[in-house]
Amino acid sequence: MLRLSVQALGATGSLLWGRGIGLLLLGVLDGSVVPSFGTLDQFAGILAARNEPLWFYYAVMSTLGAMIGASVHLFLPAATEVSINAN
């Protein structure tokens, strides 16, 4: 029964089902070029409200994801620019 309801939700259900890993991936997307318009905060809030003892885990996973996404967005162009100029 639970599996059917998660499949019915599609991408949203898989992010909520993945819990911390889903927040990490959404944080990477949110911190990069692709805007997610607050969905990372909303999903973190939903998950923290569902399972209060893990609220800190969800906060850390969403923060790490955003930091990884921002780092990729910051350092990837610099790395490709150096390799283009080296040739």
N, C-alpha and C. Protein backbone atom coordinates (compact mmCIF):
# COMPACT_ATOMS: atom_id res chain seq x y z
N MET A 1 0.82 -1.20 0.00
CA MET A 1 0.00 0.00 0.00
C MET A 1 0.86 1.26 0.00
N LEU A 2 1.87 1.29 0.86
CA LEU A 2 2.74 2.46 0.93
C LEU A 2 3.53 2.62 -0.36
N ARG A 3 3.93 1.54 -0.95
CA ARG A 3 4.69 1.59 -2.20
C ARG A 3 3.85 2.21 -3.32
N LEU A 4 2.58 1.87 -3.37
CA LEU A 4 1.71 2.45 -4.39
C LEU A 4 1.56 3.95 -4.21
N SER A 5 1.43 4.40 -2.99
CA SER A 5 1.24 5.83 -2.77
C SER A 5 2.51 6.60 -3.11
N VAL A 6 3.69 6.03 -2.88
CA VAL A 6 4.93 6.69 -3.25
C VAL A 6 5.07 6.73 -4.76
N GLN A 7 4.69 5.66 -5.45
CA GLN A 7 4.75 5.67 -6.91
C GLN A 7 3.76 6.66 -7.49
N ALA A 8 2.65 6.86 -6.86
CA ALA A 8 1.66 7.80 -7.36
C ALA A 8 2.16 9.24 -7.27
N LEU A 9 3.03 9.51 -6.29
CA LEU A 9 3.56 10.86 -6.14
C LEU A 9 4.64 11.20 -7.15
N GLY A 10 5.24 10.21 -7.78
CA GLY A 10 6.26 10.45 -8.79
C GLY A 10 7.56 10.93 -8.18
N ALA A 11 8.12 11.99 -8.75
CA ALA A 11 9.42 12.50 -8.31
C ALA A 11 9.36 13.01 -6.88
N THR A 12 8.27 13.65 -6.50
CA THR A 12 8.13 14.15 -5.14
C THR A 12 8.16 13.00 -4.15
N GLY A 13 7.46 11.94 -4.47
CA GLY A 13 7.44 10.79 -3.57
C GLY A 13 8.80 10.13 -3.43
N SER A 14 9.53 10.06 -4.54
CA SER A 14 10.85 9.44 -4.45
C SER A 14 11.81 10.30 -3.66
N LEU A 15 11.69 11.62 -3.74
CA LEU A 15 12.53 12.49 -2.91
C LEU A 15 12.20 12.34 -1.44
N LEU A 16 10.91 12.27 -1.14
CA LEU A 16 10.52 12.09 0.26
C LEU A 16 10.84 10.68 0.74
N TRP A 17 10.76 9.70 -0.16
CA TRP A 17 11.04 8.33 0.21
C TRP A 17 12.53 8.15 0.47
N GLY A 18 13.37 8.82 -0.33
CA GLY A 18 14.81 8.72 -0.16
C GLY A 18 15.30 9.44 1.08
N ARG A 19 14.50 10.28 1.62
CA ARG A 19 14.77 11.05 2.83
C ARG A 19 16.06 11.83 2.72
N GLY A 20 17.07 11.49 3.48
CA GLY A 20 18.30 12.27 3.51
C GLY A 20 19.01 12.33 2.18
N ILE A 21 19.04 11.22 1.47
CA ILE A 21 19.69 11.19 0.16
C ILE A 21 18.93 12.05 -0.83
N GLY A 22 17.61 12.02 -0.76
CA GLY A 22 16.81 12.88 -1.62
C GLY A 22 17.05 14.35 -1.34
N LEU A 23 17.19 14.70 -0.06
CA LEU A 23 17.50 16.08 0.29
C LEU A 23 18.88 16.48 -0.20
N LEU A 24 19.82 15.56 -0.11
CA LEU A 24 21.18 15.84 -0.59
C LEU A 24 21.16 16.12 -2.09
N LEU A 25 20.48 15.29 -2.85
CA LEU A 25 20.41 15.48 -4.30
C LEU A 25 19.67 16.75 -4.67
N LEU A 26 18.58 17.03 -3.96
CA LEU A 26 17.84 18.26 -4.23
C LEU A 26 18.66 19.48 -3.83
N GLY A 27 19.46 19.35 -2.78
CA GLY A 27 20.35 20.45 -2.39
C GLY A 27 21.41 20.72 -3.43
N VAL A 28 21.94 19.67 -4.04
CA VAL A 28 22.91 19.85 -5.12
C VAL A 28 22.26 20.58 -6.28
N LEU A 29 21.05 20.19 -6.62
CA LEU A 29 20.32 20.88 -7.69
C LEU A 29 20.02 22.32 -7.31
N ASP A 30 19.63 22.54 -6.08
CA ASP A 30 19.26 23.87 -5.62
C ASP A 30 20.47 24.79 -5.57
N GLY A 31 21.61 24.26 -5.19
CA GLY A 31 22.81 25.09 -5.09
C GLY A 31 23.48 25.35 -6.42
N SER A 32 23.08 24.64 -7.45
CA SER A 32 23.70 24.82 -8.76
C SER A 32 22.90 25.83 -9.57
N VAL A 33 22.98 25.72 -10.87
CA VAL A 33 22.33 26.67 -11.77
C VAL A 33 20.82 26.53 -11.78
N VAL A 34 20.32 25.33 -11.55
CA VAL A 34 18.88 25.06 -11.64
C VAL A 34 18.17 25.58 -10.38
N PRO A 35 17.26 26.54 -10.52
CA PRO A 35 16.54 27.03 -9.34
C PRO A 35 15.42 26.06 -8.93
N SER A 36 15.25 25.88 -7.64
CA SER A 36 14.18 24.99 -7.19
C SER A 36 13.11 25.75 -6.40
N PHE A 37 13.27 27.05 -6.23
CA PHE A 37 12.25 27.93 -5.64
C PHE A 37 11.74 27.45 -4.28
N GLY A 38 12.64 27.11 -3.38
CA GLY A 38 12.27 26.79 -2.01
C GLY A 38 11.81 25.37 -1.74
N THR A 39 11.90 24.50 -2.73
CA THR A 39 11.43 23.14 -2.50
C THR A 39 12.32 22.39 -1.53
N LEU A 40 13.61 22.72 -1.49
CA LEU A 40 14.51 22.08 -0.54
C LEU A 40 14.06 22.38 0.89
N ASP A 41 13.72 23.61 1.16
CA ASP A 41 13.25 24.00 2.49
C ASP A 41 11.92 23.33 2.82
N GLN A 42 11.05 23.26 1.84
CA GLN A 42 9.75 22.63 2.08
C GLN A 42 9.88 21.14 2.36
N PHE A 43 10.70 20.44 1.58
CA PHE A 43 10.89 19.01 1.81
C PHE A 43 11.58 18.75 3.15
N ALA A 44 12.55 19.57 3.49
CA ALA A 44 13.23 19.40 4.79
C ALA A 44 12.23 19.62 5.93
N GLY A 45 11.35 20.59 5.78
CA GLY A 45 10.33 20.83 6.80
C GLY A 45 9.33 19.70 6.91
N ILE A 46 8.92 19.16 5.79
CA ILE A 46 7.98 18.03 5.80
C ILE A 46 8.60 16.82 6.47
N LEU A 47 9.84 16.51 6.08
CA LEU A 47 10.51 15.35 6.67
C LEU A 47 10.77 15.53 8.15
N ALA A 48 11.16 16.73 8.56
CA ALA A 48 11.40 16.99 9.98
C ALA A 48 10.11 16.91 10.78
N ALA A 49 9.01 17.33 10.21
CA ALA A 49 7.73 17.24 10.91
C ALA A 49 7.25 15.80 11.02
N ARG A 50 7.58 14.98 10.02
CA ARG A 50 7.18 13.57 10.06
C ARG A 50 7.98 12.77 11.07
N ASN A 51 9.26 13.10 11.20
CA ASN A 51 10.14 12.31 12.06
C ASN A 51 11.02 13.26 12.86
N GLU A 52 10.51 13.74 13.98
CA GLU A 52 11.19 14.76 14.76
C GLU A 52 12.59 14.39 15.25
N PRO A 53 12.86 13.15 15.66
CA PRO A 53 14.21 12.85 16.14
C PRO A 53 15.30 13.01 15.07
N LEU A 54 14.93 12.98 13.81
CA LEU A 54 15.93 13.09 12.74
C LEU A 54 15.99 14.49 12.13
N TRP A 55 15.46 15.50 12.76
CA TRP A 55 15.44 16.83 12.17
C TRP A 55 16.84 17.35 11.90
N PHE A 56 17.78 17.07 12.79
CA PHE A 56 19.15 17.55 12.60
C PHE A 56 19.79 16.87 11.39
N TYR A 57 19.55 15.58 11.21
CA TYR A 57 20.06 14.84 10.06
C TYR A 57 19.54 15.45 8.76
N TYR A 58 18.26 15.77 8.71
CA TYR A 58 17.69 16.37 7.51
C TYR A 58 18.28 17.76 7.25
N ALA A 59 18.50 18.52 8.30
CA ALA A 59 19.11 19.85 8.13
C ALA A 59 20.53 19.73 7.61
N VAL A 60 21.28 18.78 8.14
CA VAL A 60 22.67 18.59 7.68
C VAL A 60 22.70 18.12 6.23
N MET A 61 21.85 17.19 5.87
CA MET A 61 21.84 16.68 4.50
C MET A 61 21.46 17.77 3.49
N SER A 62 20.48 18.59 3.82
CA SER A 62 20.09 19.65 2.88
C SER A 62 21.19 20.71 2.79
N THR A 63 21.85 21.01 3.91
CA THR A 63 22.94 21.98 3.89
C THR A 63 24.13 21.46 3.10
N LEU A 64 24.49 20.20 3.31
CA LEU A 64 25.60 19.61 2.56
C LEU A 64 25.30 19.59 1.05
N GLY A 65 24.07 19.26 0.70
CA GLY A 65 23.70 19.25 -0.71
C GLY A 65 23.81 20.63 -1.34
N ALA A 66 23.35 21.64 -0.63
CA ALA A 66 23.44 23.01 -1.15
C ALA A 66 24.90 23.45 -1.27
N MET A 67 25.73 23.05 -0.32
CA MET A 67 27.14 23.41 -0.37
C MET A 67 27.85 22.71 -1.53
N ILE A 68 27.54 21.46 -1.76
CA ILE A 68 28.14 20.72 -2.88
C ILE A 68 27.70 21.34 -4.20
N GLY A 69 26.41 21.65 -4.32
CA GLY A 69 25.91 22.27 -5.55
C GLY A 69 26.54 23.62 -5.82
N ALA A 70 26.71 24.42 -4.77
CA ALA A 70 27.33 25.73 -4.95
C ALA A 70 28.80 25.60 -5.29
N SER A 71 29.47 24.61 -4.71
CA SER A 71 30.88 24.40 -5.01
C SER A 71 31.08 23.98 -6.46
N VAL A 72 30.22 23.09 -6.92
CA VAL A 72 30.30 22.67 -8.33
C VAL A 72 30.05 23.86 -9.24
N HIS A 73 29.07 24.67 -8.89
CA HIS A 73 28.74 25.85 -9.69
C HIS A 73 29.88 26.86 -9.68
N LEU A 74 30.61 26.94 -8.58
CA LEU A 74 31.69 27.90 -8.46
C LEU A 74 32.98 27.42 -9.12
N PHE A 75 33.35 26.16 -8.88
CA PHE A 75 34.65 25.68 -9.32
C PHE A 75 34.67 25.02 -10.69
N LEU A 76 33.56 24.53 -11.18
CA LEU A 76 33.55 23.87 -12.49
C LEU A 76 33.88 24.83 -13.62
N PRO A 77 33.31 26.03 -13.68
CA PRO A 77 33.70 26.94 -14.77
C PRO A 77 35.17 27.31 -14.71
N ALA A 78 35.72 27.47 -13.52
CA ALA A 78 37.13 27.82 -13.40
C ALA A 78 38.01 26.68 -13.91
N ALA A 79 37.65 25.46 -13.62
CA ALA A 79 38.42 24.31 -14.08
C ALA A 79 38.35 24.15 -15.59
N THR A 80 37.18 24.36 -16.18
CA THR A 80 37.07 24.23 -17.62
C THR A 80 37.77 25.39 -18.35
N GLU A 81 37.76 26.56 -17.74
CA GLU A 81 38.41 27.71 -18.35
C GLU A 81 39.93 27.51 -18.41
N VAL A 82 40.49 26.93 -17.37
CA VAL A 82 41.92 26.66 -17.35
C VAL A 82 42.28 25.63 -18.41
N SER A 83 41.47 24.59 -18.54
CA SER A 83 41.78 23.58 -19.55
C SER A 83 41.59 24.10 -20.96
N ILE A 84 40.67 25.01 -21.16
CA ILE A 84 40.48 25.60 -22.51
C ILE A 84 41.65 26.52 -22.84
N ASN A 85 42.08 27.32 -21.87
CA ASN A 85 43.18 28.24 -22.11
C ASN A 85 44.51 27.52 -22.22
N ALA A 86 44.64 26.33 -21.65
CA ALA A 86 45.89 25.59 -21.72
C ALA A 86 46.15 25.05 -23.13
N ASN A 87 45.09 24.82 -23.88
CA ASN A 87 45.26 24.27 -25.24
C ASN A 87 45.53 25.34 -26.21
